[in-house]
Amino acid sequence: MQDSSLSIHHFTPDMEQKFWGMLDEFTFHIDRGYYERCIERHENGELVLFVASIDGNNVGYCLLNWQPKYAYFKKLELPEIQDLNVLSQYRQRGIGKALVEYCEGIARDKGYAEMGIGVGLNSSFGAAQRLYVRHGYIPDGCGVSYDRKQVAAGEFRPIDENLSLMMIKTLI
């Protein structure tokens, strides 16, 4: 059930300290340089960093990337939802779903007919896999990718956060 006090905002410089504080609460490794580049790309308009909050506390975030590096999405000129994360104590409250729907609405308002998303293949991504399928995303038909590059038959790649199934949803 979605929390009634949930709000989603575009990242602004005055949110930076609270954003870093939220990232420190995640149990996975945070590459500070990566997020600094995301903030810079957000400021340049290449992507949008959205932050979800409840009662003024940051509880999750995601990126809406207008220029994804995945070749198939680039070819189709699809925006991609990336790095959707919600703090564990706030999961199962509709925050991830709300972030996805918010991004879809922004893309739809900009005239996009489809949206892309990628999801990791190991069990730590199980909740996201289920969320995206329930929300209408289907595999793009290109197989799996590693670091946003298609994996050819017979190639070996580690099963880590870079091994993904890329998915598409029709928005209109």
Protein backbone atom coordinates (compact mmCIF):
# COMPACT_ATOMS: atom_id res chain seq x y z
CA MET A 1 0.00 0.00 0.00
CA GLN A 2 1.37 3.38 -1.00
CA ASP A 3 2.15 5.74 1.86
CA SER A 4 -0.08 8.84 1.74
CA SER A 5 2.76 11.12 2.87
CA LEU A 6 5.03 10.01 -0.01
CA SER A 7 6.37 12.74 -2.26
CA ILE A 8 8.71 12.58 -5.24
CA HIS A 9 10.98 15.49 -6.13
CA HIS A 10 13.58 16.42 -8.71
CA PHE A 11 16.94 16.51 -6.97
CA THR A 12 18.08 20.04 -6.13
CA PRO A 13 21.44 21.19 -4.68
CA ASP A 14 19.85 21.93 -1.30
CA MET A 15 18.92 18.22 -1.04
CA GLU A 16 22.51 17.02 -1.44
CA GLN A 17 23.39 16.50 2.22
CA LYS A 18 20.21 14.51 2.92
CA PHE A 19 20.72 12.55 -0.32
CA TRP A 20 24.23 11.46 0.76
CA GLY A 21 22.83 10.59 4.17
CA MET A 22 20.22 8.33 2.57
CA LEU A 23 22.84 6.63 0.39
CA ASP A 24 24.87 5.86 3.53
CA GLU A 25 21.89 3.87 4.84
CA PHE A 26 21.89 1.39 1.94
CA THR A 27 23.61 -1.93 2.61
CA PHE A 28 25.26 -2.13 -0.83
CA HIS A 29 28.52 -0.41 -1.75
CA ILE A 30 28.06 3.23 -2.72
CA ASP A 31 30.46 4.52 -5.36
CA ARG A 32 30.48 8.21 -4.47
CA GLY A 33 32.09 9.13 -7.80
CA TYR A 34 29.24 7.47 -9.68
CA TYR A 35 26.62 9.50 -7.81
CA GLU A 36 28.62 12.69 -8.23
CA ARG A 37 28.58 12.03 -12.00
CA CYS A 38 24.83 11.38 -11.84
CA ILE A 39 24.28 14.70 -10.08
CA GLU A 40 26.40 16.43 -12.72
CA ARG A 41 24.45 14.71 -15.53
CA HIS A 42 21.21 15.72 -13.78
CA GLU A 43 22.37 19.34 -13.74
CA ASN A 44 23.27 19.06 -17.47
CA GLY A 45 19.80 17.67 -18.33
CA GLU A 46 21.08 14.28 -19.54
CA LEU A 47 19.08 12.51 -16.87
CA VAL A 48 16.75 13.34 -14.01
CA LEU A 49 17.47 12.25 -10.45
CA PHE A 50 14.27 11.77 -8.50
CA VAL A 51 14.19 11.44 -4.73
CA ALA A 52 11.26 9.91 -2.85
CA SER A 53 10.58 11.12 0.66
CA ILE A 54 8.16 10.44 3.47
CA ASP A 55 7.62 13.15 6.05
CA GLY A 56 10.76 14.94 4.84
CA ASN A 57 12.98 11.84 5.08
CA ASN A 58 14.58 10.56 1.90
CA VAL A 59 13.60 6.91 1.46
CA GLY A 60 14.45 6.10 -2.17
CA TYR A 61 15.56 7.41 -5.53
CA CYS A 62 15.87 6.59 -9.21
CA LEU A 63 17.25 8.02 -12.42
CA LEU A 64 15.38 8.75 -15.62
CA ASN A 65 18.11 8.63 -18.24
CA TRP A 66 17.31 10.41 -21.50
CA GLN A 67 20.57 9.16 -23.06
CA PRO A 68 21.05 5.52 -22.01
CA LYS A 69 24.19 3.74 -23.17
CA TYR A 70 22.38 0.47 -23.96
CA ALA A 71 22.56 0.29 -27.77
CA TYR A 72 19.03 -1.04 -28.37
CA PHE A 73 17.45 1.73 -26.28
CA LYS A 74 19.65 4.30 -28.03
CA LYS A 75 18.56 2.97 -31.43
CA LEU A 76 14.88 3.23 -30.45
CA GLU A 77 15.48 6.57 -28.67
CA LEU A 78 13.95 5.26 -25.45
CA PRO A 79 14.46 6.80 -22.05
CA GLU A 80 15.51 4.34 -19.35
CA ILE A 81 14.66 4.11 -15.67
CA GLN A 82 17.86 3.25 -13.80
CA ASP A 83 19.13 2.63 -10.29
CA LEU A 84 15.77 2.47 -8.57
CA ASN A 85 16.42 1.84 -4.87
CA VAL A 86 14.28 2.08 -1.75
CA LEU A 87 15.64 1.77 1.79
CA SER A 88 14.83 -1.69 3.16
CA GLN A 89 12.70 -0.43 6.05
CA TYR A 90 10.43 1.38 3.55
CA ARG A 91 9.92 -1.45 1.06
CA GLN A 92 6.53 -3.03 0.38
CA ARG A 93 4.86 0.38 0.71
CA GLY A 94 4.47 1.24 -2.98
CA ILE A 95 7.48 3.57 -3.19
CA GLY A 96 9.21 1.68 -6.02
CA LYS A 97 5.95 1.49 -7.94
CA ALA A 98 5.37 5.22 -7.40
CA LEU A 99 8.86 6.05 -8.69
CA VAL A 100 8.31 3.92 -11.82
CA GLU A 101 4.90 5.51 -12.47
CA TYR A 102 6.33 8.99 -11.91
CA CYS A 103 9.09 8.39 -14.47
CA GLU A 104 6.60 6.93 -16.94
CA GLY A 105 4.41 10.00 -16.58
CA ILE A 106 7.32 12.36 -17.22
CA ALA A 107 8.35 10.36 -20.32
CA ARG A 108 4.75 10.19 -21.58
CA ASP A 109 4.39 13.96 -21.12
CA LYS A 110 7.54 14.42 -23.25
CA GLY A 111 5.93 12.38 -26.04
CA TYR A 112 7.65 9.03 -25.54
CA ALA A 113 5.55 6.00 -26.47
CA GLU A 114 7.84 3.45 -24.78
CA MET A 115 10.09 3.24 -21.73
CA GLY A 116 13.08 1.03 -21.05
CA ILE A 117 14.30 -0.49 -17.79
CA GLY A 118 16.94 -3.03 -16.84
CA VAL A 119 16.97 -5.45 -13.94
CA GLY A 120 19.71 -7.58 -12.46
CA LEU A 121 19.42 -11.35 -12.72
CA ASN A 122 20.57 -12.53 -9.31
CA SER A 123 18.21 -13.09 -6.40
CA SER A 124 18.97 -9.72 -4.78
CA PHE A 125 16.95 -8.17 -7.63
CA GLY A 126 13.96 -10.48 -7.15
CA ALA A 127 11.61 -7.78 -5.84
CA ALA A 128 12.49 -5.47 -8.74
CA GLN A 129 12.04 -8.29 -11.27
CA ARG A 130 8.55 -8.92 -9.96
CA LEU A 131 7.68 -5.21 -9.75
CA TYR A 132 8.66 -4.54 -13.36
CA VAL A 133 6.81 -7.56 -14.76
CA ARG A 134 3.69 -6.72 -12.73
CA HIS A 135 3.93 -3.19 -14.04
CA GLY A 136 3.85 -4.31 -17.68
CA TYR A 137 7.54 -4.46 -18.63
CA ILE A 138 8.53 -7.29 -20.97
CA PRO A 139 11.97 -8.43 -22.14
CA ASP A 140 13.22 -6.47 -25.14
CA GLY A 141 14.02 -9.71 -26.99
CA CYS A 142 17.79 -9.09 -27.15
CA GLY A 143 18.79 -11.54 -24.41
CA VAL A 144 20.87 -10.53 -21.42
CA SER A 145 23.35 -7.68 -21.25
CA TYR A 146 26.44 -7.08 -19.19
CA ASP A 147 27.26 -3.47 -18.40
CA ARG A 148 24.59 -2.53 -20.98
CA LYS A 149 26.25 -4.55 -23.80
CA GLN A 150 24.53 -7.63 -25.23
CA VAL A 151 26.03 -10.96 -24.21
CA ALA A 152 26.54 -13.35 -27.12
CA ALA A 153 25.83 -17.07 -26.89
CA GLY A 154 28.79 -18.87 -25.30
CA GLU A 155 30.20 -15.79 -23.57
CA PHE A 156 30.83 -15.95 -19.84
CA ARG A 157 30.03 -13.07 -17.50
CA PRO A 158 29.89 -12.88 -13.72
CA ILE A 159 26.49 -12.97 -12.12
CA ASP A 160 26.67 -9.56 -10.47
CA GLU A 161 24.82 -6.23 -10.57
CA ASN A 162 25.97 -5.63 -14.18
CA LEU A 163 24.27 -8.72 -15.63
CA SER A 164 20.80 -7.53 -16.62
CA LEU A 165 17.67 -8.29 -18.53
CA MET A 166 16.58 -5.20 -20.42
CA MET A 167 12.84 -4.62 -20.66
CA ILE A 168 10.41 -2.32 -22.47
CA LYS A 169 6.91 -1.05 -21.73
CA THR A 170 4.48 0.69 -24.06
CA LEU A 171 3.32 3.90 -22.38
CA ILE A 172 0.42 4.89 -24.63
